[in-house]
Amino acid sequence: MPVSESRLAGYKNSLFRHGIEYDENLVVYGDFWKVSAENLAKEFLNGKRPLPDAVVCANDSMAISLCNTLADGGINIPDDMMISGYDGSREAMENVPTITTIYPENGALGARAVLKLYKMITGLDGEAVDMPNGKLILTGSCGCSDSINYLIKQRESYKAVNEQYERYYNSSGMLEGLSKARSLDHLMHKLTHYMYLLVDINMYAMCLNKEWEGFEKSDESDYLSEGYPEKMAVQMIYKNPAYDFSAHEYDSKDIVPDSIRSYYEKPKTYFILPLHFMDRCFGYSLFVFNDLKFTVSQLFLSWNRNINIALEFLRVRTKLTLTNQRITLSFIRDTLTGIYNRQGFKRYSDSMFKKAKTENKKLFILMADLDMLKHINDNFGHIEGDNAISVCANGLNTCCENNEICARIGGDEYSIVGVYDYTDEIIDGYIKYIHDYFDRYNASSGKKYSVGASLGYYCGYVDDDRDFQYYMDIADKKMYEDKFQRKKFRKD
């Protein structure tokens, strides 16, 4: 039944109980807003309708509009005519005169809403429970004033508490604090510092999409903007006074996960607020309060909005960090082989040289030159030349066992640098591994060319008055000696 018809039915029932005959000519249909009430007031003022003893309005907005328009026209409320409304609204209590109204029981409204939802989902009628329908608040617009004290005192009490918590919130620096979070875990732990801002909170849970950051997708515009994925995770649960930060996966169709339901033996009222930034969906928040009266405050909405902003701030900052890391890697890594390039070699070889000095350990520098790269390029193409470059890089890089760095420092030039307590056996093992690697590759590659490299190295302690280049030149000189011998061997 429409709200207007159900309230009209209540009006009829009240007339019947008091022995008053119902007259449909005395019923005027409005629009639950000001205009229809203003029009009715004008009809009373211009004499089109006789002024009645009282007017019962179906909501407070029409009652307030009717009262004030009549008062502007010289009608004394309630002496000339009495007025009542329905809804128990704050505006009715603040109007002059105050409006007699019905203060509805929100629990009854919620129960009826659940019954409707149940029927929409299952097609079945749910079993109604007996709940109070509301309370009549007698105030100034009907010539009474005693009952108004009850509602005013109640509202003032809640208002005082809410105003106190709003002062806490305004001075908390919550948004600034959450925006400093370096990770989701860090953000959730910071959120615990602001739980005191929620008036009479019993439980809070943060439920996020499994990939709420969207880092798996290369297209920044490709993100979830409608609905929720099939799988979500409860990332954080606050059940006064304890916290649970272990993620619990659940089916989003359940809305309230079992890990949260398990805290309560009886059904609870859950407030569900989306976690989002603009149209980018992150998930949602779940709130349970001890006293629903405190939820008239908008504070927990602002509290939740701060989480929205903090999540987006964290997402963007993490994205920028990853992007910067990729840029840094591309700056110091060779794109063809994946090992360090000349810039990366310079960055790390300098620090390793200093380490060799300060820790009095041996410095190992190996210089390598890929054999016959020009011949491979000219006769088999640059794709095969790139293949030879990569094979050489793999052979050199995989020989390292003691935190050495391997770099491609030129077109066909490579270097390995390490600091360790090297022995002759270790170095001989490295050299043997590299040559064996090339032999194994050439035996199985099926290529019409062979991959090999000329090698030269220095391994020993460093002097304080020598720079890194000095030892590189030693290794480079030995590499060219090896290159000369290998070229001579190929000619023979």
Protein backbone atom coordinates (compact mmCIF):
# COMPACT_ATOMS: atom_id res chain seq x y z
CA MET A 1 0.00 0.00 0.00
CA PRO A 2 1.35 3.48 -0.88
CA VAL A 3 2.45 5.60 2.07
CA SER A 4 -0.26 8.20 1.42
CA GLU A 5 -3.00 5.53 1.38
CA SER A 6 -1.71 3.82 4.54
CA ARG A 7 -1.68 7.13 6.42
CA LEU A 8 -5.17 7.93 5.13
CA ALA A 9 -6.26 4.51 6.41
CA GLY A 10 -4.82 5.40 9.81
CA TYR A 11 -6.80 8.65 9.76
CA LYS A 12 -10.01 6.76 8.96
CA ASN A 13 -9.40 4.23 11.74
CA SER A 14 -8.84 7.00 14.26
CA LEU A 15 -12.08 8.71 13.24
CA PHE A 16 -13.94 5.41 13.59
CA ARG A 17 -12.50 4.73 17.05
CA HIS A 18 -13.64 8.17 18.21
CA GLY A 19 -17.11 7.93 16.67
CA ILE A 20 -16.54 10.59 14.01
CA GLU A 21 -18.03 10.07 10.56
CA TYR A 22 -15.55 10.05 7.65
CA ASP A 23 -16.26 12.69 4.97
CA GLU A 24 -14.24 12.29 1.79
CA ASN A 25 -14.92 15.92 0.88
CA LEU A 26 -12.66 16.87 3.75
CA VAL A 27 -9.72 14.92 2.30
CA VAL A 28 -7.28 16.81 0.08
CA TYR A 29 -4.48 14.98 -1.72
CA GLY A 30 -1.12 16.74 -1.67
CA ASP A 31 2.37 15.90 -2.89
CA PHE A 32 4.21 15.48 0.44
CA TRP A 33 5.89 18.85 -0.24
CA LYS A 34 5.31 22.53 0.47
CA VAL A 35 3.39 23.68 -2.62
CA SER A 36 0.25 21.63 -2.10
CA ALA A 37 0.03 22.78 1.53
CA GLU A 38 0.53 26.42 0.53
CA ASN A 39 -2.29 26.10 -2.02
CA LEU A 40 -4.61 24.66 0.64
CA ALA A 41 -3.72 27.51 3.02
CA LYS A 42 -4.61 30.06 0.32
CA GLU A 43 -8.00 28.38 -0.12
CA PHE A 44 -8.63 28.83 3.62
CA LEU A 45 -7.44 32.45 3.54
CA ASN A 46 -9.53 33.52 0.52
CA GLY A 47 -12.64 31.78 1.84
CA LYS A 48 -12.83 29.13 -0.86
CA ARG A 49 -12.80 26.55 1.94
CA PRO A 50 -14.18 27.13 5.43
CA LEU A 51 -11.58 27.14 8.20
CA PRO A 52 -11.79 23.79 10.06
CA ASP A 53 -10.99 23.09 13.70
CA ALA A 54 -7.95 21.03 12.71
CA VAL A 55 -5.97 19.70 9.75
CA VAL A 56 -4.17 16.35 9.93
CA CYS A 57 -1.25 16.32 7.44
CA ALA A 58 0.36 13.15 6.12
CA ASN A 59 3.89 14.45 6.77
CA ASP A 60 5.73 17.24 8.59
CA SER A 61 6.78 19.17 5.48
CA MET A 62 3.16 19.84 4.49
CA ALA A 63 2.20 20.60 8.11
CA ILE A 64 5.00 23.16 8.48
CA SER A 65 4.15 24.83 5.15
CA LEU A 66 0.43 24.96 5.99
CA CYS A 67 1.11 26.36 9.48
CA ASN A 68 3.49 29.09 8.33
CA THR A 69 1.41 30.19 5.32
CA LEU A 70 -1.70 30.50 7.50
CA ALA A 71 0.26 32.39 10.16
CA ASP A 72 1.49 34.82 7.49
CA GLY A 73 -2.15 35.35 6.55
CA GLY A 74 -3.18 36.23 10.11
CA ILE A 75 -4.48 32.83 11.27
CA ASN A 76 -3.43 32.01 14.84
CA ILE A 77 -2.18 28.48 15.27
CA PRO A 78 -3.45 26.72 17.40
CA ASP A 79 -6.14 29.12 18.65
CA ASP A 80 -7.92 29.49 15.28
CA MET A 81 -6.97 26.09 13.89
CA MET A 82 -4.87 23.11 15.03
CA ILE A 83 -2.40 21.24 12.82
CA SER A 84 -0.55 17.93 13.09
CA GLY A 85 2.05 16.21 10.93
CA TYR A 86 3.89 12.91 10.71
CA ASP A 87 7.60 11.93 10.74
CA GLY A 88 8.93 13.44 14.00
CA SER A 89 11.34 15.57 11.97
CA ARG A 90 13.84 18.03 13.39
CA GLU A 91 12.22 20.81 11.33
CA ALA A 92 8.88 20.15 13.07
CA MET A 93 10.54 20.58 16.46
CA GLU A 94 12.29 23.78 15.43
CA ASN A 95 9.27 25.45 13.80
CA VAL A 96 7.40 28.23 15.61
CA PRO A 97 5.00 27.02 16.77
CA THR A 98 6.32 23.45 17.10
CA ILE A 99 4.34 20.92 15.07
CA THR A 100 2.45 18.08 16.72
CA THR A 101 3.69 14.95 14.98
CA ILE A 102 4.04 11.20 15.04
CA TYR A 103 7.57 10.09 15.85
CA PRO A 104 7.84 6.80 13.89
CA GLU A 105 9.60 3.78 15.26
CA ASN A 106 12.56 3.21 12.92
CA GLY A 107 12.76 -0.42 13.91
CA ALA A 108 9.26 -1.01 12.58
CA LEU A 109 10.16 0.73 9.32
CA GLY A 110 13.26 -1.42 9.00
CA ALA A 111 11.29 -4.60 9.68
CA ARG A 112 8.80 -3.75 6.96
CA ALA A 113 11.65 -2.98 4.56
CA VAL A 114 13.20 -6.38 5.25
CA LEU A 115 9.88 -8.10 4.62
CA LYS A 116 9.60 -6.36 1.26
CA LEU A 117 13.15 -7.30 0.31
CA TYR A 118 12.51 -10.88 1.36
CA LYS A 119 9.47 -11.09 -0.89
CA MET A 120 11.35 -9.49 -3.81
CA ILE A 121 14.15 -12.07 -3.45
CA THR A 122 12.16 -15.22 -2.65
CA GLY A 123 8.61 -14.42 -3.82
CA LEU A 124 7.37 -15.49 -0.37
CA ASP A 125 5.70 -13.48 2.39
CA GLY A 126 7.81 -13.22 5.50
CA GLU A 127 6.42 -13.53 9.00
CA ALA A 128 5.84 -10.11 10.51
CA VAL A 129 6.91 -9.37 14.06
CA ASP A 130 5.08 -7.14 16.51
CA MET A 131 6.87 -3.82 16.91
CA PRO A 132 5.71 -0.41 18.21
CA ASN A 133 4.38 1.84 15.45
CA GLY A 134 5.57 5.15 16.86
CA LYS A 135 4.87 7.84 19.44
CA LEU A 136 2.51 10.82 19.30
CA ILE A 137 4.37 14.02 20.18
CA LEU A 138 1.91 16.70 21.34
CA THR A 139 3.31 20.21 20.83
CA GLY A 140 2.41 23.82 20.15
CA SER A 141 0.43 23.44 16.91
CA CYS A 142 -2.38 21.65 18.77
CA GLY A 143 -2.23 23.73 21.93
CA CYS A 144 -0.16 21.20 23.91
CA SER A 145 3.42 21.42 25.13
CA ASP A 146 4.06 18.68 27.70
CA SER A 147 5.20 15.90 25.34
CA ILE A 148 7.65 18.10 23.48
CA ASN A 149 10.03 18.04 26.44
CA TYR A 150 10.61 14.32 25.92
CA LEU A 151 11.73 14.69 22.33
CA ILE A 152 13.66 17.91 22.84
CA LYS A 153 15.63 16.45 25.74
CA GLN A 154 16.32 13.27 23.76
CA ARG A 155 17.47 15.20 20.70
CA GLU A 156 19.57 17.58 22.76
CA SER A 157 21.27 14.64 24.46
CA TYR A 158 22.20 13.00 21.18
CA LYS A 159 23.10 16.35 19.66
CA ALA A 160 25.52 17.09 22.50
CA VAL A 161 27.24 13.74 22.09
CA ASN A 162 27.49 14.11 18.32
CA GLU A 163 28.82 17.64 18.57
CA GLN A 164 31.47 16.45 21.00
CA TYR A 165 32.59 13.72 18.61
CA GLU A 166 32.55 16.13 15.68
CA ARG A 167 34.98 18.33 17.61
CA TYR A 168 37.19 15.28 18.13
CA TYR A 169 36.97 14.52 14.40
CA ASN A 170 37.76 18.07 13.26
CA SER A 171 40.93 18.13 15.36
CA SER A 172 42.00 14.53 14.71
CA GLY A 173 43.97 15.04 11.48
CA MET A 174 42.59 11.68 10.31
CA LEU A 175 42.94 12.29 6.58
CA GLU A 176 46.49 13.60 6.93
CA GLY A 177 47.43 10.62 9.11
CA LEU A 178 45.98 7.99 6.77
CA SER A 179 47.55 9.67 3.72
CA LYS A 180 51.02 8.91 5.12
CA ALA A 181 50.44 5.15 4.86
CA ARG A 182 53.11 3.33 2.84
CA SER A 183 51.09 0.13 2.36
CA LEU A 184 47.60 -1.25 2.92
CA ASP A 185 48.75 -2.94 6.12
CA HIS A 186 50.23 0.35 7.32
CA LEU A 187 46.99 2.17 6.46
CA MET A 188 44.86 -0.31 8.40
CA HIS A 189 47.06 -0.05 11.49
CA LYS A 190 46.88 3.74 11.26
CA LEU A 191 43.09 3.48 11.04
CA THR A 192 43.05 1.97 14.54
CA HIS A 193 44.18 5.36 15.89
CA TYR A 194 40.90 6.92 14.70
CA MET A 195 38.37 4.30 15.77
CA TYR A 196 37.53 6.43 18.83
CA LEU A 197 35.87 8.96 16.50
CA LEU A 198 32.96 6.58 15.76
CA VAL A 199 30.19 7.18 18.30
CA ASP A 200 29.25 3.96 20.13
CA ILE A 201 30.85 1.71 17.48
CA ASN A 202 30.61 -2.02 18.06
CA MET A 203 32.21 -3.42 14.88
CA TYR A 204 33.94 -2.14 11.76
CA ALA A 205 35.20 -4.18 8.79
CA MET A 206 37.07 -3.17 5.63
CA CYS A 207 36.08 -5.36 2.67
CA LEU A 208 38.14 -4.90 -0.50
CA ASN A 209 38.15 -6.30 -4.01
CA LYS A 210 40.92 -8.85 -4.50
CA GLU A 211 42.71 -6.53 -6.97
CA TRP A 212 41.51 -3.18 -5.67
CA GLU A 213 44.71 -1.39 -6.74
CA GLY A 214 44.30 -2.40 -10.41
CA PHE A 215 48.06 -2.97 -10.85
CA GLU A 216 47.49 -6.15 -12.86
CA LYS A 217 46.03 -4.13 -15.74
CA SER A 218 48.27 -2.06 -17.98
CA ASP A 219 45.44 0.25 -19.06
CA GLU A 220 44.87 2.80 -16.28
CA SER A 221 41.32 3.44 -17.53
CA ASP A 222 40.40 -0.27 -17.22
CA TYR A 223 39.03 -0.60 -13.70
CA LEU A 224 35.93 -1.79 -11.87
CA SER A 225 33.30 0.94 -11.76
CA GLU A 226 30.09 -1.09 -11.35
CA GLY A 227 29.29 -3.95 -9.01
CA TYR A 228 31.83 -6.13 -7.23
CA PRO A 229 33.97 -9.11 -8.25
CA GLU A 230 32.90 -12.62 -7.27
CA LYS A 231 35.66 -12.90 -4.69
CA MET A 232 36.49 -10.27 -2.09
CA ALA A 233 38.51 -10.22 1.13
CA VAL A 234 37.85 -8.84 4.58
CA GLN A 235 41.16 -7.10 5.20
CA MET A 236 40.44 -5.73 8.66
CA ILE A 237 37.90 -6.37 11.43
CA TYR A 238 37.51 -4.24 14.54
CA LYS A 239 35.27 -5.86 17.14
CA ASN A 240 35.45 -3.68 20.21
CA PRO A 241 38.06 -3.85 21.64
CA ALA A 242 40.05 -6.32 19.46
CA TYR A 243 41.45 -6.18 15.92
CA ASP A 244 41.92 -8.86 13.27
CA PHE A 245 44.21 -8.05 10.32
CA SER A 246 44.28 -11.53 8.76
CA ALA A 247 42.59 -11.42 5.35
CA HIS A 248 39.47 -13.60 4.97
CA GLU A 249 38.31 -14.37 1.44
CA TYR A 250 34.57 -14.65 0.82
CA ASP A 251 31.95 -14.61 -1.93
CA SER A 252 30.76 -11.07 -2.56
CA LYS A 253 27.19 -12.31 -2.99
CA ASP A 254 27.15 -12.98 0.79
CA ILE A 255 27.65 -9.22 1.42
CA VAL A 256 28.31 -9.85 5.14
CA PRO A 257 31.02 -12.55 5.38
CA ASP A 258 30.75 -15.47 7.80
CA SER A 259 33.89 -14.22 9.57
CA ILE A 260 31.85 -11.19 10.68
CA ARG A 261 28.55 -12.95 11.31
CA SER A 262 30.37 -15.31 13.69
CA TYR A 263 30.75 -12.46 16.19
CA TYR A 264 26.99 -12.28 16.77
CA GLU A 265 24.42 -14.82 17.91
CA LYS A 266 21.48 -12.68 16.78
CA PRO A 267 20.85 -10.63 13.62
CA LYS A 268 22.39 -7.16 13.59
CA THR A 269 21.83 -3.95 11.68
CA TYR A 270 24.78 -3.43 9.30
CA PHE A 271 25.55 -0.09 7.71
CA ILE A 272 27.25 -0.66 4.35
CA LEU A 273 29.12 2.23 2.77
CA PRO A 274 31.02 1.91 -0.54
CA LEU A 275 34.78 2.40 -0.63
CA HIS A 276 35.56 4.18 -3.87
CA PHE A 277 37.21 7.18 -5.46
CA MET A 278 35.07 8.86 -8.10
CA ASP A 279 33.81 5.83 -10.08
CA ARG A 280 36.73 3.52 -9.18
CA CYS A 281 35.37 0.80 -6.88
CA PHE A 282 37.62 -0.48 -4.05
CA GLY A 283 35.08 -2.39 -1.94
CA TYR A 284 32.92 -1.38 1.01
CA SER A 285 32.90 -0.74 4.76
CA LEU A 286 30.67 -2.51 7.28
CA PHE A 287 29.59 -0.76 10.50
CA VAL A 288 27.66 -2.09 13.50
CA PHE A 289 26.66 0.38 16.24
CA ASN A 290 25.49 -0.34 19.76
CA ASP A 291 22.82 2.41 19.62
CA LEU A 292 21.26 3.21 16.25
CA LYS A 293 20.14 6.61 17.50
CA PHE A 294 23.70 7.86 17.19
CA THR A 295 23.77 7.08 13.47
CA VAL A 296 21.74 10.22 12.75
CA SER A 297 25.16 11.88 12.85
CA GLN A 298 26.92 12.20 9.52
CA LEU A 299 30.28 11.66 11.21
CA PHE A 300 30.81 8.05 10.19
CA LEU A 301 30.12 9.06 6.57
CA SER A 302 32.97 11.58 6.71
CA TRP A 303 35.12 9.01 8.51
CA ASN A 304 34.54 6.53 5.69
CA ARG A 305 35.19 9.20 3.03
CA ASN A 306 38.66 9.69 4.49
CA ILE A 307 39.37 6.01 3.85
CA ASN A 308 38.26 6.48 0.22
CA ILE A 309 40.76 9.29 -0.26
CA ALA A 310 43.53 7.47 1.61
CA LEU A 311 43.09 4.31 -0.49
CA GLU A 312 43.31 6.31 -3.71
CA PHE A 313 46.32 8.23 -2.39
CA LEU A 314 48.01 4.93 -1.50
CA ARG A 315 47.10 3.41 -4.88
CA VAL A 316 48.51 6.33 -6.86
CA ARG A 317 51.64 6.60 -4.73
CA THR A 318 52.34 2.87 -5.04
CA LYS A 319 51.75 3.08 -8.80
CA LEU A 320 54.21 5.97 -9.08
CA THR A 321 56.77 4.10 -7.00
CA LEU A 322 56.52 1.05 -9.25
CA THR A 323 56.76 3.24 -12.33
CA ASN A 324 59.85 4.97 -10.95
CA GLN A 325 61.40 1.61 -10.19
CA ARG A 326 60.78 0.47 -13.75
CA ILE A 327 62.28 3.69 -15.07
CA THR A 328 65.30 3.24 -12.81
CA LEU A 329 65.71 -0.36 -13.95
CA SER A 330 65.49 0.67 -17.60
CA PHE A 331 68.15 3.30 -16.88
CA ILE A 332 70.64 0.84 -15.38
CA ARG A 333 69.65 -2.40 -17.19
CA ASP A 334 70.50 -3.45 -20.73
CA THR A 335 67.19 -3.92 -22.57
CA LEU A 336 68.51 -6.74 -24.78
CA THR A 337 70.17 -8.97 -22.21
CA GLY A 338 68.64 -7.91 -18.91
CA ILE A 339 72.05 -7.54 -17.21
CA TYR A 340 73.37 -4.16 -16.10
CA ASN A 341 74.34 -1.59 -18.72
CA ARG A 342 77.23 0.87 -18.47
CA GLN A 343 75.26 3.18 -16.14
CA GLY A 344 74.40 0.29 -13.82
CA PHE A 345 78.00 -0.94 -13.97
CA LYS A 346 79.31 2.47 -12.95
CA ARG A 347 76.78 2.81 -10.11
CA TYR A 348 77.59 -0.52 -8.48
CA SER A 349 81.27 -1.00 -9.38
CA ASP A 350 82.23 2.19 -7.53
CA SER A 351 80.59 0.98 -4.33
CA MET A 352 82.16 -2.46 -4.67
CA PHE A 353 85.59 -0.92 -5.13
CA LYS A 354 85.10 1.06 -1.90
CA LYS A 355 84.01 -2.12 -0.15
CA ALA A 356 87.18 -3.90 -1.24
CA LYS A 357 89.21 -1.10 0.35
CA THR A 358 87.29 -0.75 3.61
CA GLU A 359 86.82 -4.50 4.26
CA ASN A 360 90.24 -5.52 2.97
CA LYS A 361 88.83 -8.11 0.58
CA LYS A 362 89.98 -9.11 -2.87
CA LEU A 363 88.65 -7.26 -5.91
CA PHE A 364 87.76 -9.40 -8.91
CA ILE A 365 87.35 -7.76 -12.34
CA LEU A 366 86.71 -9.86 -15.42
CA MET A 367 86.66 -8.24 -18.87
CA ALA A 368 85.07 -10.14 -21.76
CA ASP A 369 84.78 -9.43 -25.47
CA LEU A 370 82.35 -11.38 -27.67
CA ASP A 371 84.27 -13.02 -30.49
CA MET A 372 83.41 -12.35 -34.14
CA LEU A 373 80.26 -10.29 -33.59
CA LYS A 374 80.81 -8.33 -36.81
CA HIS A 375 81.21 -11.58 -38.74
CA ILE A 376 77.93 -12.91 -37.31
CA ASN A 377 76.06 -9.68 -38.10
CA ASP A 378 77.43 -9.48 -41.66
CA ASN A 379 76.85 -13.11 -42.56
CA PHE A 380 73.81 -14.18 -40.56
CA GLY A 381 72.00 -10.93 -39.77
CA HIS A 382 71.59 -8.70 -36.75
CA ILE A 383 68.95 -10.92 -35.19
CA GLU A 384 71.56 -13.66 -34.92
CA GLY A 385 74.04 -11.06 -33.70
CA ASP A 386 71.60 -10.13 -30.92
CA ASN A 387 71.25 -13.80 -30.09
CA ALA A 388 75.02 -14.15 -29.72
CA ILE A 389 75.11 -11.06 -27.46
CA SER A 390 72.40 -12.58 -25.24
CA VAL A 391 74.07 -16.01 -25.08
CA CYS A 392 77.34 -14.40 -24.04
CA ALA A 393 75.57 -12.35 -21.35
CA ASN A 394 73.86 -15.48 -19.97
CA GLY A 395 77.13 -17.39 -19.85
CA LEU A 396 78.89 -14.63 -17.94
CA ASN A 397 75.98 -13.78 -15.63
CA THR A 398 75.25 -17.35 -14.55
CA CYS A 399 78.83 -18.03 -13.51
CA CYS A 400 78.55 -15.53 -10.64
CA GLU A 401 78.09 -17.17 -7.23
CA ASN A 402 79.31 -14.56 -4.73
CA ASN A 403 77.17 -11.47 -5.35
CA GLU A 404 79.19 -10.25 -8.30
CA ILE A 405 77.60 -7.90 -10.83
CA CYS A 406 77.65 -8.57 -14.56
CA ALA A 407 77.26 -5.79 -17.11
CA ARG A 408 77.28 -5.16 -20.82
CA ILE A 409 79.44 -2.05 -21.09
CA GLY A 410 79.67 -1.86 -24.88
CA GLY A 411 78.33 -3.42 -28.06
CA ASP A 412 80.32 -6.63 -27.59
CA GLU A 413 82.07 -5.85 -24.29
CA TYR A 414 81.18 -7.17 -20.84
CA SER A 415 82.53 -6.98 -17.34
CA ILE A 416 82.09 -8.84 -14.04
CA VAL A 417 83.01 -7.19 -10.73
CA GLY A 418 83.02 -8.82 -7.31
CA VAL A 419 84.42 -8.42 -3.80
CA TYR A 420 85.08 -11.60 -1.84
CA ASP A 421 87.70 -13.80 -0.22
CA TYR A 422 88.53 -15.27 -3.60
CA THR A 423 90.85 -18.22 -4.10
CA ASP A 424 92.53 -19.45 -7.27
CA GLU A 425 90.12 -22.38 -7.30
CA ILE A 426 87.07 -20.08 -7.33
CA ILE A 427 88.41 -17.94 -10.18
CA ASP A 428 89.53 -20.96 -12.20
CA GLY A 429 86.05 -22.41 -11.69
CA TYR A 430 84.46 -19.23 -13.07
CA ILE A 431 86.65 -19.26 -16.19
CA LYS A 432 86.03 -22.95 -16.78
CA TYR A 433 82.28 -22.53 -16.35
CA ILE A 434 82.15 -19.74 -18.96
CA HIS A 435 84.06 -21.73 -21.60
CA ASP A 436 82.04 -24.88 -20.85
CA TYR A 437 78.82 -22.89 -21.18
CA PHE A 438 79.77 -21.74 -24.67
CA ASP A 439 80.84 -25.26 -25.66
CA ARG A 440 77.51 -26.71 -24.52
CA TYR A 441 75.57 -24.03 -26.37
CA ASN A 442 77.52 -24.45 -29.62
CA ALA A 443 77.09 -28.22 -29.50
CA SER A 444 73.29 -27.98 -29.22
CA SER A 445 72.27 -24.69 -30.88
CA GLY A 446 72.29 -25.88 -34.49
CA LYS A 447 73.67 -22.45 -35.52
CA LYS A 448 76.16 -22.08 -38.34
CA TYR A 449 78.34 -19.93 -36.13
CA SER A 450 79.96 -20.43 -32.75
CA VAL A 451 79.62 -18.17 -29.71
CA GLY A 452 82.73 -17.53 -27.63
CA ALA A 453 84.43 -14.72 -25.74
CA SER A 454 87.95 -13.55 -24.99
CA LEU A 455 88.55 -13.19 -21.23
CA GLY A 456 90.96 -11.34 -18.99
CA TYR A 457 90.80 -10.67 -15.27
CA TYR A 458 92.40 -9.15 -12.22
CA CYS A 459 91.92 -10.66 -8.76
CA GLY A 460 93.74 -9.28 -5.74
CA TYR A 461 93.83 -6.68 -3.00
CA VAL A 462 93.70 -3.00 -3.92
CA ASP A 463 96.03 -0.16 -2.99
CA ASP A 464 94.74 3.07 -1.50
CA ASP A 465 96.56 5.14 -4.09
CA ARG A 466 95.07 3.29 -7.06
CA ASP A 467 91.68 3.95 -8.60
CA PHE A 468 89.21 1.46 -10.06
CA GLN A 469 90.19 2.23 -13.65
CA TYR A 470 93.74 1.09 -12.92
CA TYR A 471 92.56 -2.44 -12.16
CA MET A 472 90.12 -2.44 -15.06
CA ASP A 473 93.02 -1.62 -17.39
CA ILE A 474 94.93 -4.64 -16.04
CA ALA A 475 92.00 -6.95 -16.74
CA ASP A 476 91.40 -5.29 -20.13
CA LYS A 477 94.99 -5.77 -21.17
CA LYS A 478 94.84 -9.47 -20.31
CA MET A 479 91.58 -9.78 -22.24
CA TYR A 480 93.20 -8.37 -25.39
CA GLU A 481 96.12 -10.77 -24.97
CA ASP A 482 93.60 -13.62 -24.85
CA LYS A 483 91.77 -12.19 -27.86
CA PHE A 484 95.02 -12.10 -29.85
CA GLN A 485 95.77 -15.73 -28.98
CA ARG A 486 92.21 -16.88 -29.85
CA LYS A 487 92.30 -15.06 -33.20
CA LYS A 488 95.69 -16.62 -33.96
CA PHE A 489 94.31 -20.04 -33.03
CA ARG A 490 91.32 -19.63 -35.40
CA LYS A 491 93.67 -18.70 -38.30
CA ASP A 492 95.85 -21.71 -37.65
